[in-house]
């Protein structure tokens, strides 16, 4: 179970690191680094809760196929994370670094869609929600701080590589879970 939990949480950290590094490349004050880290953490812990609720409802609706639906979502999310990022991601990140109020809510939601999908998967598979949320929260705050601080020192290629590694890990986890279903 611990390897599965790590497989769910670590890719989210790689993706968060990549986004934070992009923000760090633009340069941020200490206050803004803390603010962005708290915003990321709030959204990346909150979105899985919504996903868990939706996953539990969907799990009841689809019954025995819930495990396969969760696996398909993990693999789909991994494939989504492997795709090349659009240029407007940089614009979105620049806005996040400078915005306050309601604009932050929209941007926060846009950076945490993968956590929504993970939450949905957690709900379908009935994993320990509180433990995963605590792990995501701690990891998000730490990797956001590290990503922002290192952002000015790393290149775009490394940032994109972290996103692709995260996608590959999610695909691998989905395939391992799928293989486990055939063994049982």
N, C-alpha and C. Protein backbone atom coordinates (compact mmCIF):
# COMPACT_ATOMS: atom_id res chain seq x y z
N UNK A 1 0.83 -1.19 0.00
CA UNK A 1 0.00 0.00 0.00
C UNK A 1 0.87 1.26 0.00
N UNK A 2 2.00 1.26 0.73
CA UNK A 2 2.84 2.46 0.79
C UNK A 2 3.41 2.82 -0.56
N UNK A 3 3.78 1.81 -1.35
CA UNK A 3 4.30 2.11 -2.69
C UNK A 3 3.22 2.74 -3.56
N UNK A 4 1.99 2.28 -3.43
CA UNK A 4 0.89 2.86 -4.18
C UNK A 4 0.66 4.30 -3.75
N UNK A 5 0.69 4.57 -2.44
CA UNK A 5 0.52 5.94 -1.95
C UNK A 5 1.63 6.85 -2.46
N UNK A 6 2.85 6.35 -2.40
CA UNK A 6 3.98 7.13 -2.91
C UNK A 6 3.80 7.38 -4.41
N UNK A 7 3.34 6.35 -5.11
CA UNK A 7 3.10 6.49 -6.55
C UNK A 7 2.01 7.49 -6.89
N UNK A 8 1.07 7.71 -5.97
CA UNK A 8 0.04 8.72 -6.18
C UNK A 8 0.53 10.12 -5.85
N UNK A 9 1.30 10.25 -4.78
CA UNK A 9 1.65 11.56 -4.26
C UNK A 9 2.89 12.16 -4.94
N UNK A 10 3.92 11.38 -5.17
CA UNK A 10 5.16 11.92 -5.72
C UNK A 10 4.98 12.59 -7.09
N UNK A 11 4.25 12.00 -8.03
CA UNK A 11 4.08 12.70 -9.31
C UNK A 11 3.43 14.08 -9.16
N UNK A 12 2.53 14.22 -8.20
CA UNK A 12 1.92 15.52 -7.97
C UNK A 12 2.98 16.52 -7.52
N UNK A 13 3.93 16.05 -6.74
CA UNK A 13 5.01 16.92 -6.29
C UNK A 13 5.92 17.34 -7.43
N UNK A 14 6.19 16.42 -8.36
CA UNK A 14 7.02 16.76 -9.51
C UNK A 14 6.34 17.82 -10.37
N UNK A 15 5.06 17.65 -10.57
CA UNK A 15 4.30 18.62 -11.36
C UNK A 15 4.27 19.98 -10.65
N UNK A 16 4.04 19.97 -9.36
CA UNK A 16 4.02 21.21 -8.58
C UNK A 16 5.39 21.88 -8.62
N UNK A 17 6.45 21.07 -8.50
CA UNK A 17 7.81 21.61 -8.58
C UNK A 17 8.02 22.30 -9.92
N UNK A 18 7.58 21.67 -10.99
CA UNK A 18 7.76 22.25 -12.32
C UNK A 18 7.06 23.60 -12.44
N UNK A 19 5.85 23.69 -11.94
CA UNK A 19 5.10 24.94 -12.01
C UNK A 19 5.76 26.00 -11.13
N UNK A 20 6.16 25.61 -9.92
CA UNK A 20 6.82 26.55 -9.01
C UNK A 20 8.15 27.03 -9.58
N UNK A 21 8.88 26.14 -10.23
CA UNK A 21 10.14 26.54 -10.84
C UNK A 21 9.91 27.58 -11.94
N UNK A 22 8.84 27.40 -12.70
CA UNK A 22 8.52 28.39 -13.74
C UNK A 22 8.22 29.75 -13.10
N UNK A 23 7.52 29.74 -11.98
CA UNK A 23 7.26 30.99 -11.27
C UNK A 23 8.56 31.59 -10.75
N UNK A 24 9.43 30.75 -10.24
CA UNK A 24 10.71 31.22 -9.72
C UNK A 24 11.58 31.84 -10.79
N UNK A 25 11.45 31.36 -12.03
CA UNK A 25 12.22 31.92 -13.14
C UNK A 25 11.87 33.39 -13.35
N UNK A 26 10.63 33.76 -13.03
CA UNK A 26 10.19 35.15 -13.20
C UNK A 26 10.66 36.03 -12.04
N UNK A 27 11.08 35.42 -10.93
CA UNK A 27 11.53 36.16 -9.76
C UNK A 27 10.36 36.54 -8.87
N UNK A 28 10.49 36.28 -7.59
CA UNK A 28 9.42 36.58 -6.64
C UNK A 28 10.02 37.04 -5.31
N UNK A 29 9.28 37.89 -4.62
CA UNK A 29 9.69 38.32 -3.29
C UNK A 29 9.41 37.20 -2.29
N UNK A 30 10.00 37.30 -1.10
CA UNK A 30 9.78 36.32 -0.04
C UNK A 30 8.29 36.21 0.29
N UNK A 31 7.64 37.34 0.39
CA UNK A 31 6.21 37.37 0.71
C UNK A 31 5.39 36.65 -0.37
N UNK A 32 5.71 36.93 -1.63
CA UNK A 32 4.99 36.27 -2.72
C UNK A 32 5.29 34.77 -2.77
N UNK A 33 6.51 34.38 -2.45
CA UNK A 33 6.84 32.94 -2.41
C UNK A 33 5.98 32.23 -1.37
N UNK A 34 5.85 32.84 -0.21
CA UNK A 34 5.03 32.24 0.85
C UNK A 34 3.56 32.21 0.44
N UNK A 35 3.09 33.31 -0.13
CA UNK A 35 1.68 33.39 -0.55
C UNK A 35 1.37 32.32 -1.60
N UNK A 36 2.22 32.20 -2.61
CA UNK A 36 2.00 31.22 -3.67
C UNK A 36 2.07 29.80 -3.11
N UNK A 37 3.02 29.55 -2.20
CA UNK A 37 3.12 28.22 -1.59
C UNK A 37 1.86 27.86 -0.82
N UNK A 38 1.31 28.82 -0.09
CA UNK A 38 0.06 28.57 0.65
C UNK A 38 -1.12 28.37 -0.29
N UNK A 39 -1.17 29.15 -1.36
CA UNK A 39 -2.25 29.00 -2.35
C UNK A 39 -2.17 27.61 -3.00
N UNK A 40 -0.98 27.22 -3.45
CA UNK A 40 -0.81 25.90 -4.05
C UNK A 40 -1.24 24.81 -3.07
N UNK A 41 -0.79 24.93 -1.83
CA UNK A 41 -1.11 23.91 -0.83
C UNK A 41 -2.61 23.83 -0.59
N UNK A 42 -3.27 24.96 -0.46
CA UNK A 42 -4.72 24.96 -0.22
C UNK A 42 -5.47 24.29 -1.36
N UNK A 43 -5.13 24.64 -2.58
CA UNK A 43 -5.83 24.05 -3.71
C UNK A 43 -5.47 22.58 -3.91
N UNK A 44 -4.22 22.24 -3.71
CA UNK A 44 -3.81 20.87 -3.96
C UNK A 44 -4.22 19.91 -2.85
N UNK A 45 -4.64 20.43 -1.72
CA UNK A 45 -5.24 19.60 -0.68
C UNK A 45 -6.77 19.62 -0.81
N UNK A 46 -7.32 20.75 -1.22
CA UNK A 46 -8.77 20.88 -1.34
C UNK A 46 -9.36 20.14 -2.53
N UNK A 47 -8.69 20.17 -3.66
CA UNK A 47 -9.23 19.53 -4.86
C UNK A 47 -9.39 18.02 -4.72
N UNK A 48 -8.46 17.32 -4.08
CA UNK A 48 -8.69 15.88 -3.90
C UNK A 48 -9.95 15.59 -3.08
N UNK A 49 -10.29 16.47 -2.15
CA UNK A 49 -11.52 16.26 -1.37
C UNK A 49 -12.75 16.24 -2.27
N UNK A 50 -12.78 17.17 -3.21
CA UNK A 50 -13.89 17.19 -4.17
C UNK A 50 -13.86 15.91 -5.01
N UNK A 51 -12.65 15.53 -5.44
CA UNK A 51 -12.50 14.30 -6.22
C UNK A 51 -12.89 13.06 -5.45
N UNK A 52 -12.54 13.00 -4.17
CA UNK A 52 -12.92 11.84 -3.34
C UNK A 52 -14.43 11.71 -3.27
N UNK A 53 -15.10 12.82 -3.04
CA UNK A 53 -16.56 12.81 -2.97
C UNK A 53 -17.15 12.31 -4.29
N UNK A 54 -16.66 12.86 -5.39
CA UNK A 54 -17.16 12.43 -6.71
C UNK A 54 -16.79 10.97 -6.98
N UNK A 55 -15.59 10.56 -6.58
CA UNK A 55 -15.16 9.17 -6.78
C UNK A 55 -15.99 8.19 -5.99
N UNK A 56 -16.34 8.55 -4.75
CA UNK A 56 -17.20 7.68 -3.95
C UNK A 56 -18.57 7.53 -4.60
N UNK A 57 -19.13 8.64 -5.08
CA UNK A 57 -20.43 8.58 -5.76
C UNK A 57 -20.35 7.73 -7.02
N UNK A 58 -19.30 7.97 -7.81
CA UNK A 58 -19.14 7.21 -9.04
C UNK A 58 -18.90 5.74 -8.74
N UNK A 59 -18.13 5.46 -7.67
CA UNK A 59 -17.86 4.08 -7.29
C UNK A 59 -19.13 3.32 -6.96
N UNK A 60 -20.05 3.99 -6.29
CA UNK A 60 -21.34 3.36 -5.99
C UNK A 60 -22.14 3.13 -7.26
N UNK A 61 -22.02 4.07 -8.20
CA UNK A 61 -22.80 3.96 -9.44
C UNK A 61 -22.27 2.88 -10.37
N UNK A 62 -20.95 2.72 -10.44
CA UNK A 62 -20.40 1.76 -11.40
C UNK A 62 -20.05 0.42 -10.77
N UNK A 63 -20.11 0.33 -9.46
CA UNK A 63 -19.92 -0.95 -8.77
C UNK A 63 -18.56 -1.56 -8.97
N UNK A 64 -18.54 -2.79 -9.44
CA UNK A 64 -17.30 -3.56 -9.56
C UNK A 64 -16.30 -2.99 -10.56
N UNK A 65 -16.76 -2.16 -11.47
CA UNK A 65 -15.84 -1.60 -12.46
C UNK A 65 -15.14 -0.34 -11.96
N UNK A 66 -15.39 0.05 -10.70
CA UNK A 66 -14.78 1.26 -10.14
C UNK A 66 -13.26 1.19 -10.17
N UNK A 67 -12.69 0.04 -9.86
CA UNK A 67 -11.23 -0.09 -9.87
C UNK A 67 -10.68 0.18 -11.27
N UNK A 68 -11.33 -0.36 -12.28
CA UNK A 68 -10.86 -0.16 -13.65
C UNK A 68 -11.03 1.29 -14.10
N UNK A 69 -12.10 1.92 -13.67
CA UNK A 69 -12.29 3.34 -13.97
C UNK A 69 -11.19 4.18 -13.32
N UNK A 70 -10.85 3.88 -12.07
CA UNK A 70 -9.78 4.59 -11.37
C UNK A 70 -8.44 4.41 -12.09
N UNK A 71 -8.17 3.20 -12.53
CA UNK A 71 -6.93 2.91 -13.24
C UNK A 71 -6.89 3.68 -14.56
N UNK A 72 -8.00 3.70 -15.27
CA UNK A 72 -8.08 4.44 -16.54
C UNK A 72 -7.84 5.93 -16.30
N UNK A 73 -8.37 6.46 -15.21
CA UNK A 73 -8.16 7.88 -14.90
C UNK A 73 -6.69 8.15 -14.60
N UNK A 74 -6.05 7.27 -13.84
CA UNK A 74 -4.62 7.45 -13.55
C UNK A 74 -3.79 7.44 -14.83
N UNK A 75 -4.04 6.48 -15.69
CA UNK A 75 -3.29 6.38 -16.94
C UNK A 75 -3.59 7.60 -17.82
N UNK A 76 -4.84 8.00 -17.88
CA UNK A 76 -5.21 9.19 -18.67
C UNK A 76 -4.53 10.44 -18.15
N UNK A 77 -4.49 10.60 -16.83
CA UNK A 77 -3.81 11.76 -16.25
C UNK A 77 -2.32 11.72 -16.57
N UNK A 78 -1.72 10.54 -16.50
CA UNK A 78 -0.31 10.41 -16.86
C UNK A 78 -0.05 10.80 -18.30
N UNK A 79 -0.91 10.37 -19.20
CA UNK A 79 -0.77 10.73 -20.62
C UNK A 79 -0.93 12.23 -20.80
N UNK A 80 -1.89 12.82 -20.10
CA UNK A 80 -2.12 14.26 -20.16
C UNK A 80 -0.87 15.02 -19.71
N UNK A 81 -0.20 14.51 -18.67
CA UNK A 81 0.99 15.19 -18.16
C UNK A 81 2.20 15.01 -19.07
N UNK A 82 2.18 14.02 -19.95
CA UNK A 82 3.28 13.81 -20.88
C UNK A 82 3.24 14.75 -22.07
N UNK A 83 2.09 15.29 -22.36
CA UNK A 83 1.94 16.13 -23.55
C UNK A 83 2.73 17.42 -23.39
N UNK A 84 3.20 17.99 -24.50
CA UNK A 84 3.93 19.26 -24.42
C UNK A 84 3.01 20.37 -23.89
N UNK A 85 3.58 21.25 -23.09
CA UNK A 85 2.80 22.33 -22.49
C UNK A 85 2.63 23.48 -23.48
N UNK A 86 1.47 24.10 -23.45
CA UNK A 86 1.17 25.22 -24.33
C UNK A 86 1.86 26.49 -23.83
N UNK A 87 2.07 27.44 -24.73
CA UNK A 87 2.69 28.71 -24.37
C UNK A 87 1.88 29.49 -23.36
N UNK A 88 0.55 29.34 -23.38
CA UNK A 88 -0.25 30.13 -22.44
C UNK A 88 -0.09 29.67 -21.00
N UNK A 89 0.61 28.54 -20.74
CA UNK A 89 0.90 28.16 -19.35
C UNK A 89 1.79 29.21 -18.70
N UNK A 90 2.76 29.73 -19.45
CA UNK A 90 3.65 30.75 -18.90
C UNK A 90 2.87 32.01 -18.55
N UNK A 91 1.91 32.39 -19.39
CA UNK A 91 1.07 33.56 -19.10
C UNK A 91 0.26 33.32 -17.83
N UNK A 92 -0.30 32.13 -17.70
CA UNK A 92 -1.10 31.78 -16.52
C UNK A 92 -0.25 31.83 -15.26
N UNK A 93 0.98 31.31 -15.34
CA UNK A 93 1.86 31.33 -14.18
C UNK A 93 2.26 32.75 -13.81
N UNK A 94 2.49 33.58 -14.81
CA UNK A 94 2.82 34.98 -14.54
C UNK A 94 1.67 35.69 -13.85
N UNK A 95 0.45 35.40 -14.27
CA UNK A 95 -0.72 35.99 -13.62
C UNK A 95 -0.84 35.52 -12.17
N UNK A 96 -0.58 34.25 -11.94
CA UNK A 96 -0.67 33.72 -10.58
C UNK A 96 0.30 34.43 -9.65
N UNK A 97 1.47 34.71 -10.15
CA UNK A 97 2.47 35.36 -9.31
C UNK A 97 2.06 36.78 -8.93
N UNK A 98 1.20 37.41 -9.73
CA UNK A 98 0.85 38.80 -9.48
C UNK A 98 -0.58 39.04 -9.00
N UNK A 99 -1.44 38.05 -9.07
CA UNK A 99 -2.84 38.30 -8.77
C UNK A 99 -3.20 38.04 -7.32
N UNK A 100 -4.33 38.61 -6.97
CA UNK A 100 -4.88 38.46 -5.63
C UNK A 100 -6.40 38.32 -5.78
N UNK A 101 -7.06 37.94 -4.72
CA UNK A 101 -8.52 37.91 -4.72
C UNK A 101 -9.11 36.80 -5.56
N UNK A 102 -10.21 37.12 -6.24
CA UNK A 102 -10.95 36.11 -7.00
C UNK A 102 -10.16 35.53 -8.16
N UNK A 103 -9.27 36.31 -8.77
CA UNK A 103 -8.47 35.79 -9.88
C UNK A 103 -7.60 34.62 -9.42
N UNK A 104 -7.14 34.67 -8.18
CA UNK A 104 -6.32 33.58 -7.64
C UNK A 104 -7.13 32.29 -7.57
N UNK A 105 -8.42 32.40 -7.26
CA UNK A 105 -9.26 31.20 -7.17
C UNK A 105 -9.30 30.47 -8.51
N UNK A 106 -9.54 31.19 -9.58
CA UNK A 106 -9.58 30.56 -10.90
C UNK A 106 -8.25 29.95 -11.29
N UNK A 107 -7.18 30.67 -11.01
CA UNK A 107 -5.86 30.15 -11.33
C UNK A 107 -5.50 28.96 -10.44
N UNK A 108 -5.91 29.02 -9.17
CA UNK A 108 -5.65 27.91 -8.25
C UNK A 108 -6.33 26.63 -8.70
N UNK A 109 -7.57 26.77 -9.17
CA UNK A 109 -8.29 25.61 -9.69
C UNK A 109 -7.56 25.05 -10.90
N UNK A 110 -7.09 25.93 -11.78
CA UNK A 110 -6.45 25.46 -13.01
C UNK A 110 -5.15 24.70 -12.74
N UNK A 111 -4.45 25.01 -11.64
CA UNK A 111 -3.20 24.29 -11.37
C UNK A 111 -3.41 23.01 -10.59
N UNK A 112 -4.64 22.77 -10.12
CA UNK A 112 -4.86 21.60 -9.26
C UNK A 112 -5.83 20.59 -9.86
N UNK A 113 -6.04 20.63 -11.15
CA UNK A 113 -6.94 19.67 -11.80
C UNK A 113 -6.41 18.24 -11.65
N UNK A 114 -5.10 18.06 -11.69
CA UNK A 114 -4.56 16.70 -11.52
C UNK A 114 -4.87 16.16 -10.13
N UNK A 115 -4.90 17.02 -9.12
CA UNK A 115 -5.28 16.58 -7.77
C UNK A 115 -6.75 16.18 -7.71
N UNK A 116 -7.58 16.84 -8.50
CA UNK A 116 -9.00 16.45 -8.59
C UNK A 116 -9.10 15.03 -9.11
N UNK A 117 -8.34 14.73 -10.15
CA UNK A 117 -8.35 13.38 -10.73
C UNK A 117 -7.80 12.36 -9.74
N UNK A 118 -6.75 12.73 -9.01
CA UNK A 118 -6.20 11.82 -8.00
C UNK A 118 -7.23 11.58 -6.91
N UNK A 119 -7.91 12.64 -6.48
CA UNK A 119 -8.96 12.49 -5.46
C UNK A 119 -10.07 11.57 -5.94
N UNK A 120 -10.44 11.70 -7.20
CA UNK A 120 -11.46 10.83 -7.78
C UNK A 120 -10.99 9.38 -7.71
N UNK A 121 -9.72 9.16 -8.05
CA UNK A 121 -9.14 7.81 -7.99
C UNK A 121 -9.13 7.29 -6.56
N UNK A 122 -8.74 8.15 -5.61
CA UNK A 122 -8.73 7.77 -4.19
C UNK A 122 -10.12 7.33 -3.75
N UNK A 123 -11.14 8.10 -4.17
CA UNK A 123 -12.52 7.77 -3.82
C UNK A 123 -12.97 6.44 -4.42
N UNK A 124 -12.56 6.19 -5.65
CA UNK A 124 -12.95 4.93 -6.30
C UNK A 124 -12.27 3.73 -5.65
N UNK A 125 -11.01 3.90 -5.26
CA UNK A 125 -10.23 2.79 -4.71
C UNK A 125 -10.31 2.69 -3.19
N UNK A 126 -10.96 3.65 -2.56
CA UNK A 126 -11.14 3.67 -1.09
C UNK A 126 -9.81 3.69 -0.34
N UNK A 127 -8.89 4.53 -0.80
CA UNK A 127 -7.61 4.70 -0.12
C UNK A 127 -7.78 5.61 1.10
N UNK A 128 -6.81 5.62 2.04
CA UNK A 128 -6.91 6.45 3.25
C UNK A 128 -6.80 7.95 2.92
N UNK A 129 -7.92 8.61 2.90
CA UNK A 129 -8.02 10.00 2.44
C UNK A 129 -7.18 10.95 3.29
N UNK A 130 -7.33 10.90 4.59
CA UNK A 130 -6.63 11.84 5.45
C UNK A 130 -5.11 11.72 5.30
N UNK A 131 -4.60 10.53 5.27
CA UNK A 131 -3.17 10.32 5.11
C UNK A 131 -2.68 10.92 3.79
N UNK A 132 -3.40 10.66 2.72
CA UNK A 132 -2.99 11.17 1.41
C UNK A 132 -3.05 12.70 1.39
N UNK A 133 -4.08 13.28 2.01
CA UNK A 133 -4.19 14.75 2.03
C UNK A 133 -3.05 15.38 2.82
N UNK A 134 -2.69 14.78 3.94
CA UNK A 134 -1.57 15.30 4.73
C UNK A 134 -0.28 15.20 3.91
N UNK A 135 -0.05 14.06 3.26
CA UNK A 135 1.15 13.90 2.44
C UNK A 135 1.19 14.90 1.30
N UNK A 136 0.06 15.10 0.63
CA UNK A 136 -0.01 16.07 -0.47
C UNK A 136 0.26 17.47 0.06
N UNK A 137 -0.33 17.83 1.19
CA UNK A 137 -0.15 19.16 1.74
C UNK A 137 1.29 19.47 2.10
N UNK A 138 1.92 18.55 2.81
CA UNK A 138 3.33 18.75 3.20
C UNK A 138 4.21 18.83 1.96
N UNK A 139 4.01 17.87 1.08
CA UNK A 139 4.82 17.84 -0.13
C UNK A 139 4.62 19.10 -0.96
N UNK A 140 3.39 19.55 -1.13
CA UNK A 140 3.11 20.73 -1.95
C UNK A 140 3.83 21.95 -1.42
N UNK A 141 3.73 22.19 -0.12
CA UNK A 141 4.37 23.38 0.44
C UNK A 141 5.88 23.31 0.25
N UNK A 142 6.47 22.16 0.54
CA UNK A 142 7.93 22.02 0.44
C UNK A 142 8.40 22.15 -1.00
N UNK A 143 7.78 21.41 -1.93
CA UNK A 143 8.27 21.45 -3.31
C UNK A 143 7.98 22.80 -3.97
N UNK A 144 6.93 23.49 -3.54
CA UNK A 144 6.68 24.82 -4.08
C UNK A 144 7.78 25.78 -3.64
N UNK A 145 8.12 25.74 -2.36
CA UNK A 145 9.21 26.60 -1.87
C UNK A 145 10.52 26.28 -2.58
N UNK A 146 10.85 25.01 -2.68
CA UNK A 146 12.10 24.61 -3.34
C UNK A 146 12.06 24.99 -4.82
N UNK A 147 10.94 24.72 -5.48
CA UNK A 147 10.82 25.03 -6.90
C UNK A 147 10.97 26.51 -7.19
N UNK A 148 10.32 27.34 -6.40
CA UNK A 148 10.42 28.79 -6.60
C UNK A 148 11.86 29.26 -6.38
N UNK A 149 12.48 28.76 -5.33
CA UNK A 149 13.85 29.19 -5.00
C UNK A 149 14.86 28.72 -6.05
N UNK A 150 14.63 27.55 -6.60
CA UNK A 150 15.56 27.04 -7.61
C UNK A 150 15.20 27.47 -9.02
N UNK A 151 14.00 28.01 -9.18
CA UNK A 151 13.50 28.35 -10.51
C UNK A 151 14.42 29.22 -11.33
N UNK A 152 15.03 30.19 -10.71
CA UNK A 152 15.92 31.08 -11.44
C UNK A 152 17.21 30.37 -11.86
N UNK A 153 17.49 29.25 -11.22
CA UNK A 153 18.76 28.56 -11.49
C UNK A 153 18.62 27.39 -12.46
N UNK A 154 17.41 26.94 -12.69
CA UNK A 154 17.24 25.78 -13.58
C UNK A 154 16.66 26.22 -14.91
N UNK A 155 16.81 25.41 -15.89
CA UNK A 155 16.32 25.74 -17.21
C UNK A 155 14.94 25.17 -17.48
N UNK A 156 14.34 25.65 -18.54
CA UNK A 156 13.02 25.22 -18.98
C UNK A 156 13.00 23.73 -19.26
N UNK A 157 14.07 23.19 -19.81
CA UNK A 157 14.12 21.77 -20.15
C UNK A 157 13.97 20.89 -18.92
N UNK A 158 14.63 21.27 -17.82
CA UNK A 158 14.53 20.50 -16.59
C UNK A 158 13.11 20.54 -16.04
N UNK A 159 12.48 21.71 -16.10
CA UNK A 159 11.11 21.86 -15.62
C UNK A 159 10.16 20.96 -16.41
N UNK A 160 10.27 20.97 -17.73
CA UNK A 160 9.42 20.13 -18.56
C UNK A 160 9.71 18.65 -18.32
N UNK A 161 10.97 18.32 -18.07
CA UNK A 161 11.33 16.94 -17.78
C UNK A 161 10.66 16.44 -16.51
N UNK A 162 10.57 17.29 -15.48
CA UNK A 162 9.89 16.90 -14.24
C UNK A 162 8.43 16.60 -14.50
N UNK A 163 7.77 17.39 -15.35
CA UNK A 163 6.37 17.13 -15.67
C UNK A 163 6.21 15.79 -16.39
N UNK A 164 7.11 15.51 -17.30
CA UNK A 164 7.03 14.25 -18.06
C UNK A 164 7.31 13.04 -17.16
N UNK A 165 8.24 13.18 -16.24
CA UNK A 165 8.51 12.09 -15.30
C UNK A 165 7.26 11.82 -14.46
N UNK A 166 6.59 12.88 -14.02
CA UNK A 166 5.37 12.71 -13.23
C UNK A 166 4.31 11.95 -14.03
N UNK A 167 4.15 12.29 -15.29
CA UNK A 167 3.19 11.59 -16.14
C UNK A 167 3.53 10.12 -16.31
N UNK A 168 4.81 9.84 -16.53
CA UNK A 168 5.25 8.45 -16.71
C UNK A 168 5.02 7.64 -15.44
N UNK A 169 5.26 8.24 -14.28
CA UNK A 169 5.05 7.52 -13.01
C UNK A 169 3.57 7.18 -12.83
N UNK A 170 2.69 8.11 -13.15
CA UNK A 170 1.25 7.84 -13.02
C UNK A 170 0.80 6.73 -13.98
N UNK A 171 1.30 6.75 -15.20
CA UNK A 171 0.97 5.69 -16.15
C UNK A 171 1.46 4.34 -15.61
N UNK A 172 2.71 4.31 -15.12
CA UNK A 172 3.26 3.06 -14.57
C UNK A 172 2.43 2.58 -13.39
N UNK A 173 2.04 3.48 -12.50
CA UNK A 173 1.21 3.09 -11.35
C UNK A 173 -0.12 2.52 -11.82
N UNK A 174 -0.73 3.16 -12.81
CA UNK A 174 -1.98 2.63 -13.35
C UNK A 174 -1.82 1.24 -13.92
N UNK A 175 -0.72 1.02 -14.63
CA UNK A 175 -0.48 -0.30 -15.21
C UNK A 175 -0.21 -1.35 -14.14
N UNK A 176 0.51 -0.97 -13.08
CA UNK A 176 0.76 -1.90 -11.97
C UNK A 176 -0.56 -2.26 -11.29
N UNK A 177 -1.41 -1.26 -11.05
CA UNK A 177 -2.72 -1.53 -10.44
C UNK A 177 -3.57 -2.43 -11.35
N UNK A 178 -3.51 -2.17 -12.65
CA UNK A 178 -4.26 -3.00 -13.60
C UNK A 178 -3.74 -4.44 -13.57
N UNK A 179 -2.43 -4.60 -13.58
CA UNK A 179 -1.85 -5.93 -13.50
C UNK A 179 -2.25 -6.65 -12.21
N UNK A 180 -2.34 -5.90 -11.12
CA UNK A 180 -2.77 -6.48 -9.85
C UNK A 180 -4.20 -6.98 -9.89
N UNK A 181 -5.04 -6.34 -10.68
CA UNK A 181 -6.44 -6.77 -10.81
C UNK A 181 -6.53 -8.11 -11.54
N UNK A 182 -5.63 -8.36 -12.48
CA UNK A 182 -5.65 -9.61 -13.21
C UNK A 182 -5.07 -10.77 -12.40
N UNK A 183 -4.17 -10.44 -11.46
CA UNK A 183 -3.57 -11.47 -10.61
C UNK A 183 -4.57 -12.00 -9.59
N UNK A 184 -5.41 -11.09 -9.08
CA UNK A 184 -6.37 -11.49 -8.04
C UNK A 184 -7.48 -12.28 -8.60
